Each structure stands twice: as structure tokens, then as C-alpha cells.
């Protein structure tokens, strides 16, 4: 269940797409998770280590499913590609 905790970062989209992209990307960026791991290891804090593992796992799951870091123009525009793009036949 905690695997989906980073989805709280989507609440920024209730304000506007720019704030949504910022909060979404902060909860899914691997650099943020790496900083959390280092901080947790220095402090020896097991709970922060688990939080960092959850961040890594969630961002990896997002990448596997095709969801990338968001651009500030819309939710569907990611660094991987557009989400829900329509195929032209």
C-alpha cells in the first residue's frame, strides 16, 4: 500500500499544471530518492531508508508503465513521451 504513497504529489494539479508538475516530479525524481537514501544512511534512520526505497520503487514502476516526469504545460506531456497519444491510421 505504501508503494502508492508518492501519488500524494498529484495534489498540486488541483492548483494548476505548473504546481502539479513540480509536486509530481518532486515525489518521483530519483535524485530526491538518492538524497533521501544518503541522509537516511548518515542518520541511521530505518524509516527514512524505507521511504527512500518506496520512492525508488514508485518511480521505477512509473517508468515501466510509461509515465515520466511531467512538463508544466499538461499532465500528459512527460519526458518519455505523451501519455494517451492517439494513433493516426
Protein backbone atom coordinates (compact mmCIF):
# COMPACT_ATOMS: atom_id res chain seq x y z
CA UNK A 1 0.00 0.00 0.00
CA UNK A 2 2.86 2.38 0.75
CA UNK A 3 4.08 1.90 -2.80
CA UNK A 4 1.39 4.37 -3.85
CA UNK A 5 2.21 6.97 -1.18
CA UNK A 6 4.13 9.18 -3.66
CA UNK A 7 0.85 9.67 -5.55
CA UNK A 8 0.11 12.39 -2.99
CA UNK A 9 2.33 14.54 -5.21
CA UNK A 10 -0.52 14.79 -7.70
CA UNK A 11 -2.44 17.19 -5.44
CA UNK A 12 -0.54 20.11 -6.98
CA UNK A 13 -2.61 19.65 -10.13
CA UNK A 14 -5.60 20.91 -8.12
CA UNK A 15 -3.89 24.33 -8.12
CA UNK A 16 -2.55 24.47 -11.69
CA UNK A 17 -0.45 22.37 -14.11
CA UNK A 18 2.80 24.14 -13.23
CA UNK A 19 2.43 23.46 -9.49
CA UNK A 20 1.22 19.95 -10.27
CA UNK A 21 4.31 19.19 -12.36
CA UNK A 22 6.54 20.48 -9.55
CA UNK A 23 4.92 18.41 -6.80
CA UNK A 24 4.58 15.35 -9.04
CA UNK A 25 8.24 15.46 -10.08
CA UNK A 26 9.48 16.00 -6.51
CA UNK A 27 7.78 12.80 -5.39
CA UNK A 28 9.09 10.79 -8.36
CA UNK A 29 12.57 12.04 -9.15
CA UNK A 30 15.32 9.52 -8.49
CA UNK A 31 17.73 12.25 -7.35
CA UNK A 32 15.34 13.09 -4.50
CA UNK A 33 15.27 9.41 -3.55
CA UNK A 34 19.08 9.21 -3.71
CA UNK A 35 19.43 12.22 -1.41
CA UNK A 36 16.92 10.60 0.95
CA UNK A 37 18.96 7.37 0.96
CA UNK A 38 22.18 9.21 1.78
CA UNK A 39 20.51 11.24 4.51
CA UNK A 40 18.90 8.11 5.99
CA UNK A 41 22.18 6.18 5.94
CA UNK A 42 24.07 9.03 7.61
CA UNK A 43 21.42 9.27 10.33
CA UNK A 44 20.95 5.52 10.55
CA UNK A 45 17.19 6.07 10.30
CA UNK A 46 15.46 2.88 9.16
CA UNK A 47 12.15 4.64 8.43
CA UNK A 48 13.81 7.10 6.07
CA UNK A 49 15.58 4.21 4.35
CA UNK A 50 12.22 2.53 3.78
CA UNK A 51 10.79 5.82 2.47
CA UNK A 52 13.69 6.09 0.01
CA UNK A 53 13.14 2.51 -1.18
CA UNK A 54 9.46 3.33 -1.72
CA UNK A 55 10.41 6.43 -3.75
CA UNK A 56 12.78 4.38 -5.92
CA UNK A 57 10.21 1.61 -6.38
CA UNK A 58 7.41 4.00 -7.28
CA UNK A 59 9.47 5.97 -9.78
CA UNK A 60 10.65 2.71 -11.37
CA UNK A 61 7.08 1.45 -11.63
CA UNK A 62 6.06 4.72 -13.26
CA UNK A 63 8.83 4.38 -15.84
CA UNK A 64 7.86 0.77 -16.60
CA UNK A 65 4.26 1.87 -17.18
CA UNK A 66 5.39 4.70 -19.45
CA UNK A 67 4.82 7.61 -17.08
CA UNK A 68 7.70 10.01 -16.90
CA UNK A 69 8.49 13.27 -15.19
CA UNK A 70 5.94 15.89 -16.14
CA UNK A 71 6.37 19.10 -18.06
CA UNK A 72 4.49 22.10 -16.73
CA UNK A 73 2.16 22.52 -19.71
CA UNK A 74 -0.05 19.47 -19.09
CA UNK A 75 -0.26 16.21 -17.16
CA UNK A 76 0.03 14.12 -20.31
CA UNK A 77 3.29 15.65 -21.50
CA UNK A 78 6.22 13.72 -19.98
CA UNK A 79 9.94 13.38 -20.58
CA UNK A 80 9.34 9.91 -22.03
CA UNK A 81 6.55 10.80 -24.43
CA UNK A 82 2.95 11.93 -24.44
CA UNK A 83 0.56 9.84 -22.37
CA UNK A 84 -2.60 8.69 -24.17
CA UNK A 85 -1.43 9.80 -27.57
CA UNK A 86 -3.80 8.85 -30.32
CA UNK A 87 -2.55 6.76 -33.22
CA UNK A 88 -3.32 8.14 -36.63
CA UNK A 89 -4.40 5.45 -39.06
